[in-house]
PDB file of N, CA and C in Angstrom:
ATOM      1  N   MET A   1       0.850  -1.173   0.000  1.00  0.00           N
ATOM      2  CA  MET A   1       0.000   0.000   0.000  1.00  0.00           C
ATOM      3  C   MET A   1       0.891   1.230   0.000  1.00  0.00           C
ATOM      4  N   GLU A   2       0.424   2.225  -0.661  1.00  0.00           N
ATOM      5  CA  GLU A   2       1.207   3.447  -0.778  1.00  0.00           C
ATOM      6  C   GLU A   2       0.929   4.359   0.399  1.00  0.00           C
ATOM      7  N   ASN A   3       1.901   5.168   0.688  1.00  0.00           N
ATOM      8  CA  ASN A   3       1.773   6.146   1.749  1.00  0.00           C
ATOM      9  C   ASN A   3       0.646   7.136   1.456  1.00  0.00           C
ATOM     10  N   GLU A   4       0.355   7.345   0.180  1.00  0.00           N
ATOM     11  CA  GLU A   4      -0.696   8.278  -0.235  1.00  0.00           C
ATOM     12  C   GLU A   4      -2.056   7.884   0.338  1.00  0.00           C
ATOM     13  N   LYS A   5      -2.294   6.604   0.461  1.00  0.00           N
ATOM     14  CA  LYS A   5      -3.579   6.147   1.012  1.00  0.00           C
ATOM     15  C   LYS A   5      -3.728   6.585   2.460  1.00  0.00           C
ATOM     16  N   PHE A   6      -2.634   6.535   3.218  1.00  0.00           N
ATOM     17  CA  PHE A   6      -2.689   6.973   4.610  1.00  0.00           C
ATOM     18  C   PHE A   6      -2.806   8.490   4.705  1.00  0.00           C
ATOM     19  N   ILE A   7      -2.206   9.190   3.769  1.00  0.00           N
ATOM     20  CA  ILE A   7      -2.333  10.650   3.746  1.00  0.00           C
ATOM     21  C   ILE A   7      -3.790  11.031   3.510  1.00  0.00           C
ATOM     22  N   GLU A   8      -4.449  10.376   2.573  1.00  0.00           N
ATOM     23  CA  GLU A   8      -5.866  10.640   2.297  1.00  0.00           C
ATOM     24  C   GLU A   8      -6.718  10.247   3.502  1.00  0.00           C
ATOM     25  N   LEU A   9      -6.399   9.138   4.119  1.00  0.00           N
ATOM     26  CA  LEU A   9      -7.121   8.686   5.309  1.00  0.00           C
ATOM     27  C   LEU A   9      -6.989   9.715   6.431  1.00  0.00           C
ATOM     28  N   ASN A  10      -5.795  10.252   6.591  1.00  0.00           N
ATOM     29  CA  ASN A  10      -5.554  11.264   7.607  1.00  0.00           C
ATOM     30  C   ASN A  10      -6.396  12.518   7.342  1.00  0.00           C
ATOM     31  N   LYS A  11      -6.489  12.931   6.099  1.00  0.00           N
ATOM     32  CA  LYS A  11      -7.297  14.105   5.737  1.00  0.00           C
ATOM     33  C   LYS A  11      -8.770  13.855   6.068  1.00  0.00           C
ATOM     34  N   ASN A  12      -9.244  12.668   5.768  1.00  0.00           N
ATOM     35  CA  ASN A  12     -10.642  12.342   6.043  1.00  0.00           C
ATOM     36  C   ASN A  12     -10.929  12.299   7.542  1.00  0.00           C
ATOM     37  N   VAL A  13      -9.992  11.775   8.314  1.00  0.00           N
ATOM     38  CA  VAL A  13     -10.157  11.743   9.769  1.00  0.00           C
ATOM     39  C   VAL A  13     -10.179  13.170  10.319  1.00  0.00           C
ATOM     40  N   GLN A  14      -9.326  14.026   9.778  1.00  0.00           N
ATOM     41  CA  GLN A  14      -9.314  15.422  10.219  1.00  0.00           C
ATOM     42  C   GLN A  14     -10.650  16.085   9.897  1.00  0.00           C
ATOM     43  N   GLU A  15     -11.244  15.730   8.777  1.00  0.00           N
ATOM     44  CA  GLU A  15     -12.555  16.275   8.426  1.00  0.00           C
ATOM     45  C   GLU A  15     -13.611  15.848   9.448  1.00  0.00           C
ATOM     46  N   ILE A  16     -13.544  14.617   9.904  1.00  0.00           N
ATOM     47  CA  ILE A  16     -14.469  14.140  10.939  1.00  0.00           C
ATOM     48  C   ILE A  16     -14.278  14.953  12.213  1.00  0.00           C
ATOM     49  N   ILE A  17     -13.034  15.169  12.598  1.00  0.00           N
ATOM     50  CA  ILE A  17     -12.731  15.948  13.800  1.00  0.00           C
ATOM     51  C   ILE A  17     -13.281  17.363  13.667  1.00  0.00           C
ATOM     52  N   ASP A  18     -13.112  17.965  12.501  1.00  0.00           N
ATOM     53  CA  ASP A  18     -13.623  19.316  12.265  1.00  0.00           C
ATOM     54  C   ASP A  18     -15.147  19.359  12.350  1.00  0.00           C
ATOM     55  N   LEU A  19     -15.800  18.331  11.820  1.00  0.00           N
ATOM     56  CA  LEU A  19     -17.267  18.269  11.887  1.00  0.00           C
ATOM     57  C   LEU A  19     -17.741  18.110  13.330  1.00  0.00           C
ATOM     58  N   ILE A  20     -17.024  17.331  14.115  1.00  0.00           N
ATOM     59  CA  ILE A  20     -17.371  17.181  15.532  1.00  0.00           C
ATOM     60  C   ILE A  20     -17.197  18.518  16.241  1.00  0.00           C
ATOM     61  N   ALA A  21     -16.100  19.206  15.944  1.00  0.00           N
ATOM     62  CA  ALA A  21     -15.833  20.503  16.583  1.00  0.00           C
ATOM     63  C   ALA A  21     -16.917  21.526  16.250  1.00  0.00           C
ATOM     64  N   SER A  22     -17.471  21.428  15.038  1.00  0.00           N
ATOM     65  CA  SER A  22     -18.536  22.353  14.651  1.00  0.00           C
ATOM     66  C   SER A  22     -19.918  21.836  15.056  1.00  0.00           C
ATOM     67  N   LYS A  23     -19.930  20.743  15.835  1.00  0.00           N
ATOM     68  CA  LYS A  23     -21.154  20.139  16.374  1.00  0.00           C
ATOM     69  C   LYS A  23     -22.129  19.677  15.277  1.00  0.00           C
ATOM     70  N   ASN A  24     -21.562  19.183  14.192  1.00  0.00           N
ATOM     71  CA  ASN A  24     -22.352  18.651  13.096  1.00  0.00           C
ATOM     72  C   ASN A  24     -22.278  17.121  13.163  1.00  0.00           C
ATOM     73  N   ALA A  25     -23.044  16.567  14.093  1.00  0.00           N
ATOM     74  CA  ALA A  25     -22.967  15.131  14.382  1.00  0.00           C
ATOM     75  C   ALA A  25     -23.405  14.268  13.197  1.00  0.00           C
ATOM     76  N   LYS A  26     -24.433  14.698  12.490  1.00  0.00           N
ATOM     77  CA  LYS A  26     -24.943  13.889  11.379  1.00  0.00           C
ATOM     78  C   LYS A  26     -23.900  13.744  10.276  1.00  0.00           C
ATOM     79  N   GLU A  27     -23.303  14.857   9.862  1.00  0.00           N
ATOM     80  CA  GLU A  27     -22.281  14.808   8.811  1.00  0.00           C
ATOM     81  C   GLU A  27     -21.026  14.083   9.301  1.00  0.00           C
ATOM     82  N   ALA A  28     -20.678  14.280  10.572  1.00  0.00           N
ATOM     83  CA  ALA A  28     -19.517  13.594  11.141  1.00  0.00           C
ATOM     84  C   ALA A  28     -19.734  12.084  11.115  1.00  0.00           C
ATOM     85  N   ASN A  29     -20.937  11.659  11.459  1.00  0.00           N
ATOM     86  CA  ASN A  29     -21.245  10.232  11.447  1.00  0.00           C
ATOM     87  C   ASN A  29     -21.214   9.674  10.032  1.00  0.00           C
ATOM     88  N   ASN A  30     -21.767  10.424   9.077  1.00  0.00           N
ATOM     89  CA  ASN A  30     -21.746   9.975   7.684  1.00  0.00           C
ATOM     90  C   ASN A  30     -20.312   9.817   7.188  1.00  0.00           C
ATOM     91  N   LYS A  31     -19.467  10.782   7.507  1.00  0.00           N
ATOM     92  CA  LYS A  31     -18.061  10.730   7.081  1.00  0.00           C
ATOM     93  C   LYS A  31     -17.350   9.586   7.788  1.00  0.00           C
ATOM     94  N   LEU A  32     -17.674   9.353   9.048  1.00  0.00           N
ATOM     95  CA  LEU A  32     -17.059   8.260   9.799  1.00  0.00           C
ATOM     96  C   LEU A  32     -17.385   6.910   9.161  1.00  0.00           C
ATOM     97  N   VAL A  33     -18.616   6.733   8.729  1.00  0.00           N
ATOM     98  CA  VAL A  33     -19.008   5.485   8.069  1.00  0.00           C
ATOM     99  C   VAL A  33     -18.215   5.302   6.773  1.00  0.00           C
ATOM    100  N   GLU A  34     -18.090   6.383   6.024  1.00  0.00           N
ATOM    101  CA  GLU A  34     -17.338   6.344   4.764  1.00  0.00           C
ATOM    102  C   GLU A  34     -15.866   5.983   5.010  1.00  0.00           C
ATOM    103  N   VAL A  35     -15.260   6.618   5.979  1.00  0.00           N
ATOM    104  CA  VAL A  35     -13.850   6.360   6.296  1.00  0.00           C
ATOM    105  C   VAL A  35     -13.677   4.940   6.850  1.00  0.00           C
ATOM    106  N   SER A  36     -14.620   4.473   7.632  1.00  0.00           N
ATOM    107  CA  SER A  36     -14.561   3.108   8.161  1.00  0.00           C
ATOM    108  C   SER A  36     -14.591   2.082   7.035  1.00  0.00           C
ATOM    109  N   ASP A  37     -15.425   2.334   6.044  1.00  0.00           N
ATOM    110  CA  ASP A  37     -15.483   1.438   4.887  1.00  0.00           C
ATOM    111  C   ASP A  37     -14.157   1.439   4.131  1.00  0.00           C
ATOM    112  N   ASP A  38     -13.573   2.629   3.949  1.00  0.00           N
ATOM    113  CA  ASP A  38     -12.271   2.727   3.282  1.00  0.00           C
ATOM    114  C   ASP A  38     -11.207   1.981   4.071  1.00  0.00           C
ATOM    115  N   LEU A  39     -11.260   2.111   5.377  1.00  0.00           N
ATOM    116  CA  LEU A  39     -10.288   1.438   6.239  1.00  0.00           C
ATOM    117  C   LEU A  39     -10.441  -0.080   6.150  1.00  0.00           C
ATOM    118  N   ASP A  40     -11.678  -0.549   6.080  1.00  0.00           N
ATOM    119  CA  ASP A  40     -11.919  -1.984   5.922  1.00  0.00           C
ATOM    120  C   ASP A  40     -11.346  -2.493   4.603  1.00  0.00           C
ATOM    121  N   ASP A  41     -11.490  -1.695   3.553  1.00  0.00           N
ATOM    122  CA  ASP A  41     -10.922  -2.074   2.255  1.00  0.00           C
ATOM    123  C   ASP A  41      -9.400  -2.155   2.331  1.00  0.00           C
ATOM    124  N   LEU A  42      -8.794  -1.184   3.002  1.00  0.00           N
ATOM    125  CA  LEU A  42      -7.341  -1.211   3.169  1.00  0.00           C
ATOM    126  C   LEU A  42      -6.910  -2.451   3.942  1.00  0.00           C
ATOM    127  N   LEU A  43      -7.667  -2.790   4.952  1.00  0.00           N
ATOM    128  CA  LEU A  43      -7.350  -3.959   5.777  1.00  0.00           C
ATOM    129  C   LEU A  43      -7.419  -5.246   4.948  1.00  0.00           C
ATOM    130  N   ASP A  44      -8.389  -5.308   4.056  1.00  0.00           N
ATOM    131  CA  ASP A  44      -8.546  -6.502   3.220  1.00  0.00           C
ATOM    132  C   ASP A  44      -7.342  -6.758   2.321  1.00  0.00           C
ATOM    133  N   TYR A  45      -6.677  -5.692   1.895  1.00  0.00           N
ATOM    134  CA  TYR A  45      -5.594  -5.836   0.927  1.00  0.00           C
ATOM    135  C   TYR A  45      -4.202  -5.615   1.509  1.00  0.00           C
ATOM    136  N   SER A  46      -4.112  -5.431   2.801  1.00  0.00           N
ATOM    137  CA  SER A  46      -2.813  -5.199   3.433  1.00  0.00           C
ATOM    138  C   SER A  46      -2.209  -6.506   3.903  1.00  0.00           C
ATOM    139  N   GLU A  47      -0.906  -6.607   3.706  1.00  0.00           N
ATOM    140  CA  GLU A  47      -0.202  -7.807   4.130  1.00  0.00           C
ATOM    141  C   GLU A  47       0.983  -7.499   5.027  1.00  0.00           C
ATOM    142  N   GLU A  48       1.532  -6.314   4.913  1.00  0.00           N
ATOM    143  CA  GLU A  48       2.716  -5.973   5.686  1.00  0.00           C
ATOM    144  C   GLU A  48       2.339  -5.564   7.102  1.00  0.00           C
ATOM    145  N   ASP A  49       3.184  -5.943   8.047  1.00  0.00           N
ATOM    146  CA  ASP A  49       2.917  -5.658   9.460  1.00  0.00           C
ATOM    147  C   ASP A  49       2.813  -4.162   9.737  1.00  0.00           C
ATOM    148  N   ASP A  50       3.667  -3.373   9.107  1.00  0.00           N
ATOM    149  CA  ASP A  50       3.631  -1.924   9.328  1.00  0.00           C
ATOM    150  C   ASP A  50       2.287  -1.335   8.916  1.00  0.00           C
ATOM    151  N   GLU A  51       1.777  -1.795   7.805  1.00  0.00           N
ATOM    152  CA  GLU A  51       0.483  -1.307   7.333  1.00  0.00           C
ATOM    153  C   GLU A  51      -0.634  -1.741   8.269  1.00  0.00           C
ATOM    154  N   LEU A  52      -0.579  -2.971   8.718  1.00  0.00           N
ATOM    155  CA  LEU A  52      -1.606  -3.482   9.623  1.00  0.00           C
ATOM    156  C   LEU A  52      -1.598  -2.729  10.949  1.00  0.00           C
ATOM    157  N   MET A  53      -0.416  -2.373  11.429  1.00  0.00           N
ATOM    158  CA  MET A  53      -0.322  -1.613  12.674  1.00  0.00           C
ATOM    159  C   MET A  53      -0.906  -0.213  12.493  1.00  0.00           C
ATOM    160  N   GLU A  54      -0.617   0.410  11.361  1.00  0.00           N
ATOM    161  CA  GLU A  54      -1.149   1.744  11.090  1.00  0.00           C
ATOM    162  C   GLU A  54      -2.677   1.703  10.965  1.00  0.00           C
ATOM    163  N   ILE A  55      -3.190   0.697  10.299  1.00  0.00           N
ATOM    164  CA  ILE A  55      -4.637   0.527  10.165  1.00  0.00           C
ATOM    165  C   ILE A  55      -5.268   0.336  11.542  1.00  0.00           C
ATOM    166  N   SER A  56      -4.617  -0.444  12.386  1.00  0.00           N
ATOM    167  CA  SER A  56      -5.117  -0.673  13.743  1.00  0.00           C
ATOM    168  C   SER A  56      -5.203   0.636  14.518  1.00  0.00           C
ATOM    169  N   ARG A  57      -4.215   1.502  14.362  1.00  0.00           N
ATOM    170  CA  ARG A  57      -4.244   2.810  15.039  1.00  0.00           C
ATOM    171  C   ARG A  57      -5.442   3.630  14.571  1.00  0.00           C
ATOM    172  N   TYR A  58      -5.685   3.604  13.275  1.00  0.00           N
ATOM    173  CA  TYR A  58      -6.830   4.346  12.746  1.00  0.00           C
ATOM    174  C   TYR A  58      -8.152   3.759  13.235  1.00  0.00           C
ATOM    175  N   GLN A  59      -8.223   2.442  13.378  1.00  0.00           N
ATOM    176  CA  GLN A  59      -9.439   1.821  13.893  1.00  0.00           C
ATOM    177  C   GLN A  59      -9.728   2.293  15.309  1.00  0.00           C
ATOM    178  N   VAL A  60      -8.695   2.368  16.137  1.00  0.00           N
ATOM    179  CA  VAL A  60      -8.862   2.845  17.507  1.00  0.00           C
ATOM    180  C   VAL A  60      -9.324   4.299  17.500  1.00  0.00           C
ATOM    181  N   LEU A  61      -8.700   5.112  16.662  1.00  0.00           N
ATOM    182  CA  LEU A  61      -9.073   6.523  16.562  1.00  0.00           C
ATOM    183  C   LEU A  61     -10.518   6.681  16.105  1.00  0.00           C
ATOM    184  N   LEU A  62     -10.928   5.908  15.106  1.00  0.00           N
ATOM    185  CA  LEU A  62     -12.310   6.001  14.629  1.00  0.00           C
ATOM    186  C   LEU A  62     -13.301   5.575  15.709  1.00  0.00           C
ATOM    187  N   ASN A  63     -12.938   4.585  16.510  1.00  0.00           N
ATOM    188  CA  ASN A  63     -13.808   4.181  17.616  1.00  0.00           C
ATOM    189  C   ASN A  63     -13.965   5.306  18.634  1.00  0.00           C
ATOM    190  N   GLN A  64     -12.869   5.997  18.914  1.00  0.00           N
ATOM    191  CA  GLN A  64     -12.932   7.127  19.844  1.00  0.00           C
ATOM    192  C   GLN A  64     -13.773   8.259  19.268  1.00  0.00           C
ATOM    193  N   LEU A  65     -13.610   8.514  17.982  1.00  0.00           N
ATOM    194  CA  LEU A  65     -14.403   9.570  17.340  1.00  0.00           C
ATOM    195  C   LEU A  65     -15.886   9.207  17.330  1.00  0.00           C
ATOM    196  N   GLN A  66     -16.172   7.931  17.153  1.00  0.00           N
ATOM    197  CA  GLN A  66     -17.566   7.490  17.190  1.00  0.00           C
ATOM    198  C   GLN A  66     -18.167   7.761  18.564  1.00  0.00           C
ATOM    199  N   GLN A  67     -17.408   7.539  19.619  1.00  0.00           N
ATOM    200  CA  GLN A  67     -17.897   7.827  20.964  1.00  0.00           C
ATOM    201  C   GLN A  67     -18.158   9.315  21.151  1.00  0.00           C
ATOM    202  N   LYS A  68     -17.295  10.142  20.573  1.00  0.00           N
ATOM    203  CA  LYS A  68     -17.504  11.603  20.633  1.00  0.00           C
ATOM    204  C   LYS A  68     -18.778  12.001  19.899  1.00  0.00           C
ATOM    205  N   ILE A  69     -19.036  11.374  18.764  1.00  0.00           N
ATOM    206  CA  ILE A  69     -20.249  11.670  17.993  1.00  0.00           C
ATOM    207  C   ILE A  69     -21.484  11.253  18.777  1.00  0.00           C
ATOM    208  N   ILE A  70     -21.425  10.101  19.421  1.00  0.00           N
ATOM    209  CA  ILE A  70     -22.545   9.629  20.238  1.00  0.00           C
ATOM    210  C   ILE A  70     -22.802  10.605  21.380  1.00  0.00           C
ATOM    211  N   ALA A  71     -21.726  11.056  22.013  1.00  0.00           N
ATOM    212  CA  ALA A  71     -21.859  12.036  23.105  1.00  0.00           C
ATOM    213  C   ALA A  71     -22.427  13.348  22.588  1.00  0.00           C
ATOM    214  N   LEU A  72     -22.008  13.743  21.402  1.00  0.00           N
ATOM    215  CA  LEU A  72     -22.492  14.978  20.799  1.00  0.00           C
ATOM    216  C   LEU A  72     -23.985  14.872  20.492  1.00  0.00           C
ATOM    217  N   ASN A  73     -24.415  13.723  20.023  1.00  0.00           N
ATOM    218  CA  ASN A  73     -25.844  13.516  19.761  1.00  0.00           C
ATOM    219  C   ASN A  73     -26.656  13.629  21.052  1.00  0.00           C
ATOM    220  N   GLY A  74     -26.086  13.195  22.157  1.00  0.00           N
ATOM    221  CA  GLY A  74     -26.758  13.282  23.440  1.00  0.00           C
ATOM    222  C   GLY A  74     -26.893  14.716  23.920  1.00  0.00           C
ATOM    223  N   GLN A  75     -26.005  15.593  23.469  1.00  0.00           N
ATOM    224  CA  GLN A  75     -26.030  16.992  23.887  1.00  0.00           C
ATOM    225  C   GLN A  75     -26.974  17.830  23.038  1.00  0.00           C
ATOM    226  N   LEU A  76     -27.258  17.351  21.838  1.00  0.00           N
ATOM    227  CA  LEU A  76     -28.105  18.144  20.916  1.00  0.00           C
ATOM    228  C   LEU A  76     -29.572  18.071  21.278  1.00  0.00           C
TER     229      LEU A  76
END
């Protein structure tokens, strides 16, 4: 896998963070689902340990962001 895929993934995660910061839970959740699907695709085609470790880090981050979105929905 190319480093470019992780760069794009990072940009998408930052977009989710920005949407959470602007209290736009619906759009943040939609983007999170999209990024999760992309991450699953990367996981399906990754074989190198370094890539798998990086994907695992993103999975943990997305889980944390999902919890923030759930909390944000509770505040709205």
